[in-house]
Every structure is written in structure tokens, then in C-alpha cells.
Amino acid sequence: MALEKLDVYWPILILMAFGALLVVGALIVSKIISPQKPTELKRQAYECGEDPVGNAWALFNMRFYVIGLIFIIFDVESALMFPVVSVFKKMNEIGRGGLVLVEIVIFLFVLIAGVAYCWRKGDLDWVRSFQTPDKEKES
């Protein structure tokens, strides 16, 4: 009886095995037919068509990373709103619209609180001034 219930998983296992075999086969075929003639030019790092100059460990402004991370976080959160809003009408028809609306409002509150926190902290300012408070003048 238990084996009969496991029969439904055979197509999934076959598909997974076929996918793994396809990936391994593609890697093996590319290793066999690809040209293996490394030169100094081919070993060079590709920088958008520019010849690399100087050390690769150059210092970058951390603002690039902070703004990028903030964008990714809030972009993903706002993208998660679309599935909820798309089922809101259906949930409203079965009497669960109020619950979904409360969940949307809570989610928006968390999103707005996150933006307000980043704004208050100064992470959304592209040019950030680091002014220290004036030291007390000695008399």
C-alpha cells in the first residue's frame, strides 16, 4: 500500500535525474570541445572593454553599497505587495477582505517605518556631510 503512494513521485525523480544529467553532460561537452589555448591577454580581467590599470583593490565610496542595498530591500518588499493586492478582490468576495486590508496596512507601516528610519539616519542622502560639533572655545 505504501509503495503505491510513492509511485506518484517517479516522474519528479526522473525529471530531477534528467536535469542533473543534462547539466553534467553540458559541462563535460563544453570541456571537451572548448579551445584550451590560454594567453596572457585571455587571463586578464575584463573591465567593460577597458584595459585594467592599477590595483584591483581600489577604495570605493560606501554610499554605492548602502544605496544599492536599501534599493534592493525596498524594491523586493514593494514587489511582494503585488501578489497580495492581486488576491484582495477574491478574498473580499469570500469575506476576508478586512483581514487582507489589515495585513496590507501593517506591511505598508513597516515599509514606511523602514524608509523613515533610513531617511532619519541619513542613508538616503547621496552627499553626506561629516561635521563634528564645535569644540568648546577655551578662554
C-alpha atoms as a PDB file:
ATOM      1  CA  MET A   1       0.000   0.000   0.000  1.00  0.00           C
ATOM      2  CA  ALA A   2       2.801   2.435   0.863  1.00  0.00           C
ATOM      3  CA  LEU A   3       4.627   1.693  -2.402  1.00  0.00           C
ATOM      4  CA  GLU A   4       1.529   2.600  -4.398  1.00  0.00           C
ATOM      5  CA  LYS A   5       1.550   6.082  -2.829  1.00  0.00           C
ATOM      6  CA  LEU A   6       5.220   6.551  -3.688  1.00  0.00           C
ATOM      7  CA  ASP A   7       4.577   5.861  -7.388  1.00  0.00           C
ATOM      8  CA  VAL A   8       3.438   9.458  -7.887  1.00  0.00           C
ATOM      9  CA  TYR A   9       6.995  10.665  -7.142  1.00  0.00           C
ATOM     10  CA  TRP A  10       8.636   8.721 -10.007  1.00  0.00           C
ATOM     11  CA  PRO A  11       8.061  11.458 -12.620  1.00  0.00           C
ATOM     12  CA  ILE A  12       9.643  14.017 -10.277  1.00  0.00           C
ATOM     13  CA  LEU A  13      12.660  11.800  -9.610  1.00  0.00           C
ATOM     14  CA  ILE A  14      13.070  11.068 -13.325  1.00  0.00           C
ATOM     15  CA  LEU A  15      12.873  14.794 -14.145  1.00  0.00           C
ATOM     16  CA  MET A  16      15.448  15.642 -11.445  1.00  0.00           C
ATOM     17  CA  ALA A  17      17.796  12.925 -12.720  1.00  0.00           C
ATOM     18  CA  PHE A  18      17.351  14.154 -16.291  1.00  0.00           C
ATOM     19  CA  GLY A  19      18.101  17.739 -15.212  1.00  0.00           C
ATOM     20  CA  ALA A  20      21.244  16.714 -13.319  1.00  0.00           C
ATOM     21  CA  LEU A  21      22.387  14.565 -16.255  1.00  0.00           C
ATOM     22  CA  LEU A  22      21.773  17.469 -18.640  1.00  0.00           C
ATOM     23  CA  VAL A  23      23.883  19.858 -16.533  1.00  0.00           C
ATOM     24  CA  VAL A  24      26.744  17.391 -16.066  1.00  0.00           C
ATOM     25  CA  GLY A  25      26.613  16.457 -19.754  1.00  0.00           C
ATOM     26  CA  ALA A  26      26.757  20.099 -20.844  1.00  0.00           C
ATOM     27  CA  LEU A  27      29.771  20.715 -18.597  1.00  0.00           C
ATOM     28  CA  ILE A  28      31.592  17.667 -19.938  1.00  0.00           C
ATOM     29  CA  VAL A  29      30.847  18.514 -23.582  1.00  0.00           C
ATOM     30  CA  SER A  30      31.970  22.127 -23.131  1.00  0.00           C
ATOM     31  CA  LYS A  31      35.204  20.960 -21.509  1.00  0.00           C
ATOM     32  CA  ILE A  32      35.882  18.599 -24.406  1.00  0.00           C
ATOM     33  CA  ILE A  33      35.117  20.905 -27.352  1.00  0.00           C
ATOM     34  CA  SER A  34      36.259  24.276 -25.976  1.00  0.00           C
ATOM     35  CA  PRO A  35      39.658  25.529 -27.140  1.00  0.00           C
ATOM     36  CA  GLN A  36      42.337  25.326 -24.451  1.00  0.00           C
ATOM     37  CA  LYS A  37      44.857  27.943 -25.558  1.00  0.00           C
ATOM     38  CA  PRO A  38      45.271  30.379 -22.669  1.00  0.00           C
ATOM     39  CA  THR A  39      47.263  33.525 -23.369  1.00  0.00           C
ATOM     40  CA  GLU A  40      48.246  36.437 -21.186  1.00  0.00           C
ATOM     41  CA  LEU A  41      45.524  38.550 -22.787  1.00  0.00           C
ATOM     42  CA  LYS A  42      42.869  35.919 -22.025  1.00  0.00           C
ATOM     43  CA  ARG A  43      43.955  35.726 -18.382  1.00  0.00           C
ATOM     44  CA  GLN A  44      43.445  39.468 -17.969  1.00  0.00           C
ATOM     45  CA  ALA A  45      40.352  40.681 -16.085  1.00  0.00           C
ATOM     46  CA  TYR A  46      37.642  42.001 -18.375  1.00  0.00           C
ATOM     47  CA  GLU A  47      36.578  45.519 -17.383  1.00  0.00           C
ATOM     48  CA  CYS A  48      33.915  46.541 -19.903  1.00  0.00           C
ATOM     49  CA  GLY A  49      36.386  46.788 -22.753  1.00  0.00           C
ATOM     50  CA  GLU A  50      38.887  48.893 -20.833  1.00  0.00           C
ATOM     51  CA  ASP A  51      42.404  47.755 -20.107  1.00  0.00           C
ATOM     52  CA  PRO A  52      42.776  47.252 -16.360  1.00  0.00           C
ATOM     53  CA  VAL A  53      45.064  49.877 -14.855  1.00  0.00           C
ATOM     54  CA  GLY A  54      46.358  49.921 -11.326  1.00  0.00           C
ATOM     55  CA  ASN A  55      45.478  47.795  -8.353  1.00  0.00           C
ATOM     56  CA  ALA A  56      42.169  45.943  -8.252  1.00  0.00           C
ATOM     57  CA  TRP A  57      41.782  46.786  -4.567  1.00  0.00           C
ATOM     58  CA  ALA A  58      40.735  50.387  -5.164  1.00  0.00           C
ATOM     59  CA  LEU A  59      38.660  52.080  -2.495  1.00  0.00           C
ATOM     60  CA  PHE A  60      35.044  52.783  -3.362  1.00  0.00           C
ATOM     61  CA  ASN A  61      32.673  55.083  -1.592  1.00  0.00           C
ATOM     62  CA  MET A  62      30.473  53.047   0.741  1.00  0.00           C
ATOM     63  CA  ARG A  63      27.482  55.131  -0.364  1.00  0.00           C
ATOM     64  CA  PHE A  64      27.248  52.971  -3.508  1.00  0.00           C
ATOM     65  CA  TYR A  65      26.757  49.835  -1.428  1.00  0.00           C
ATOM     66  CA  VAL A  66      24.405  51.405   1.108  1.00  0.00           C
ATOM     67  CA  ILE A  67      22.143  52.952  -1.531  1.00  0.00           C
ATOM     68  CA  GLY A  68      22.205  49.694  -3.517  1.00  0.00           C
ATOM     69  CA  LEU A  69      21.254  47.584  -0.502  1.00  0.00           C
ATOM     70  CA  ILE A  70      18.486  49.958   0.518  1.00  0.00           C
ATOM     71  CA  PHE A  71      17.122  49.906  -3.031  1.00  0.00           C
ATOM     72  CA  ILE A  72      17.157  46.105  -3.162  1.00  0.00           C
ATOM     73  CA  ILE A  73      15.456  45.767   0.221  1.00  0.00           C
ATOM     74  CA  PHE A  74      12.623  48.180  -0.533  1.00  0.00           C
ATOM     75  CA  ASP A  75      12.285  47.015  -4.128  1.00  0.00           C
ATOM     76  CA  VAL A  76      11.746  43.426  -3.019  1.00  0.00           C
ATOM     77  CA  GLU A  77       9.316  44.498  -0.309  1.00  0.00           C
ATOM     78  CA  SER A  78       7.275  46.563  -2.728  1.00  0.00           C
ATOM     79  CA  ALA A  79       7.315  43.698  -5.257  1.00  0.00           C
ATOM     80  CA  LEU A  80       5.833  41.443  -2.578  1.00  0.00           C
ATOM     81  CA  MET A  81       2.765  43.684  -2.471  1.00  0.00           C
ATOM     82  CA  PHE A  82       1.576  42.650  -5.945  1.00  0.00           C
ATOM     83  CA  PRO A  83       0.522  39.058  -5.078  1.00  0.00           C
ATOM     84  CA  VAL A  84      -1.385  40.268  -2.025  1.00  0.00           C
ATOM     85  CA  VAL A  85      -3.169  43.021  -3.925  1.00  0.00           C
ATOM     86  CA  SER A  86      -3.990  40.651  -6.785  1.00  0.00           C
ATOM     87  CA  VAL A  87      -5.942  38.308  -4.486  1.00  0.00           C
ATOM     88  CA  PHE A  88      -7.555  41.107  -2.456  1.00  0.00           C
ATOM     89  CA  LYS A  89     -10.719  41.166  -4.601  1.00  0.00           C
ATOM     90  CA  LYS A  90     -11.132  37.411  -4.340  1.00  0.00           C
ATOM     91  CA  MET A  91     -10.581  37.484  -0.579  1.00  0.00           C
ATOM     92  CA  ASN A  92     -13.075  40.356  -0.305  1.00  0.00           C
ATOM     93  CA  GLU A  93     -15.717  38.243  -2.072  1.00  0.00           C
ATOM     94  CA  ILE A  94     -15.398  35.432   0.467  1.00  0.00           C
ATOM     95  CA  GLY A  95     -15.493  37.806   3.422  1.00  0.00           C
ATOM     96  CA  ARG A  96     -11.786  38.014   4.258  1.00  0.00           C
ATOM     97  CA  GLY A  97     -11.139  41.428   2.722  1.00  0.00           C
ATOM     98  CA  GLY A  98     -10.792  43.151   6.105  1.00  0.00           C
ATOM     99  CA  LEU A  99      -8.078  40.749   7.211  1.00  0.00           C
ATOM    100  CA  VAL A 100      -6.144  41.239   3.991  1.00  0.00           C
ATOM    101  CA  LEU A 101      -6.540  45.010   4.268  1.00  0.00           C
ATOM    102  CA  VAL A 102      -5.167  44.957   7.828  1.00  0.00           C
ATOM    103  CA  GLU A 103      -2.204  42.873   6.648  1.00  0.00           C
ATOM    104  CA  ILE A 104      -1.537  45.317   3.795  1.00  0.00           C
ATOM    105  CA  VAL A 105      -1.675  48.286   6.178  1.00  0.00           C
ATOM    106  CA  ILE A 106       0.724  46.582   8.625  1.00  0.00           C
ATOM    107  CA  PHE A 107       3.091  45.760   5.778  1.00  0.00           C
ATOM    108  CA  LEU A 108       2.965  49.338   4.489  1.00  0.00           C
ATOM    109  CA  PHE A 109       3.567  50.656   8.005  1.00  0.00           C
ATOM    110  CA  VAL A 110       6.691  48.510   8.327  1.00  0.00           C
ATOM    111  CA  LEU A 111       7.835  49.653   4.885  1.00  0.00           C
ATOM    112  CA  ILE A 112       7.249  53.325   5.661  1.00  0.00           C
ATOM    113  CA  ALA A 113       8.919  52.945   9.064  1.00  0.00           C
ATOM    114  CA  GLY A 114      11.975  51.451   7.337  1.00  0.00           C
ATOM    115  CA  VAL A 115      12.159  54.300   4.848  1.00  0.00           C
ATOM    116  CA  ALA A 116      11.721  56.844   7.637  1.00  0.00           C
ATOM    117  CA  TYR A 117      14.492  55.185   9.653  1.00  0.00           C
ATOM    118  CA  CYS A 118      16.869  55.248   6.673  1.00  0.00           C
ATOM    119  CA  TRP A 119      15.936  58.853   5.942  1.00  0.00           C
ATOM    120  CA  ARG A 120      16.395  59.944   9.563  1.00  0.00           C
ATOM    121  CA  LYS A 121      19.721  58.137   9.784  1.00  0.00           C
ATOM    122  CA  GLY A 122      20.855  59.949   6.640  1.00  0.00           C
ATOM    123  CA  ASP A 123      21.365  56.859   4.492  1.00  0.00           C
ATOM    124  CA  LEU A 124      19.277  58.305   1.669  1.00  0.00           C
ATOM    125  CA  ASP A 125      21.458  61.412   1.338  1.00  0.00           C
ATOM    126  CA  TRP A 126      23.875  60.951  -1.526  1.00  0.00           C
ATOM    127  CA  VAL A 127      26.246  63.631  -0.302  1.00  0.00           C
ATOM    128  CA  ARG A 128      26.694  63.178   3.397  1.00  0.00           C
ATOM    129  CA  SER A 129      28.479  65.742   5.477  1.00  0.00           C
ATOM    130  CA  PHE A 130      30.516  64.565   8.424  1.00  0.00           C
ATOM    131  CA  GLN A 131      30.678  67.672  10.521  1.00  0.00           C
ATOM    132  CA  THR A 132      31.840  67.350  14.056  1.00  0.00           C
ATOM    133  CA  PRO A 133      30.348  69.590  16.707  1.00  0.00           C
ATOM    134  CA  ASP A 134      32.438  72.640  17.509  1.00  0.00           C
ATOM    135  CA  LYS A 135      34.689  72.145  20.462  1.00  0.00           C
ATOM    136  CA  GLU A 136      34.128  74.484  23.321  1.00  0.00           C
ATOM    137  CA  LYS A 137      36.336  77.501  22.991  1.00  0.00           C
ATOM    138  CA  GLU A 138      38.842  77.759  25.730  1.00  0.00           C
ATOM    139  CA  SER A 139      39.083  81.163  27.346  1.00  0.00           C
END
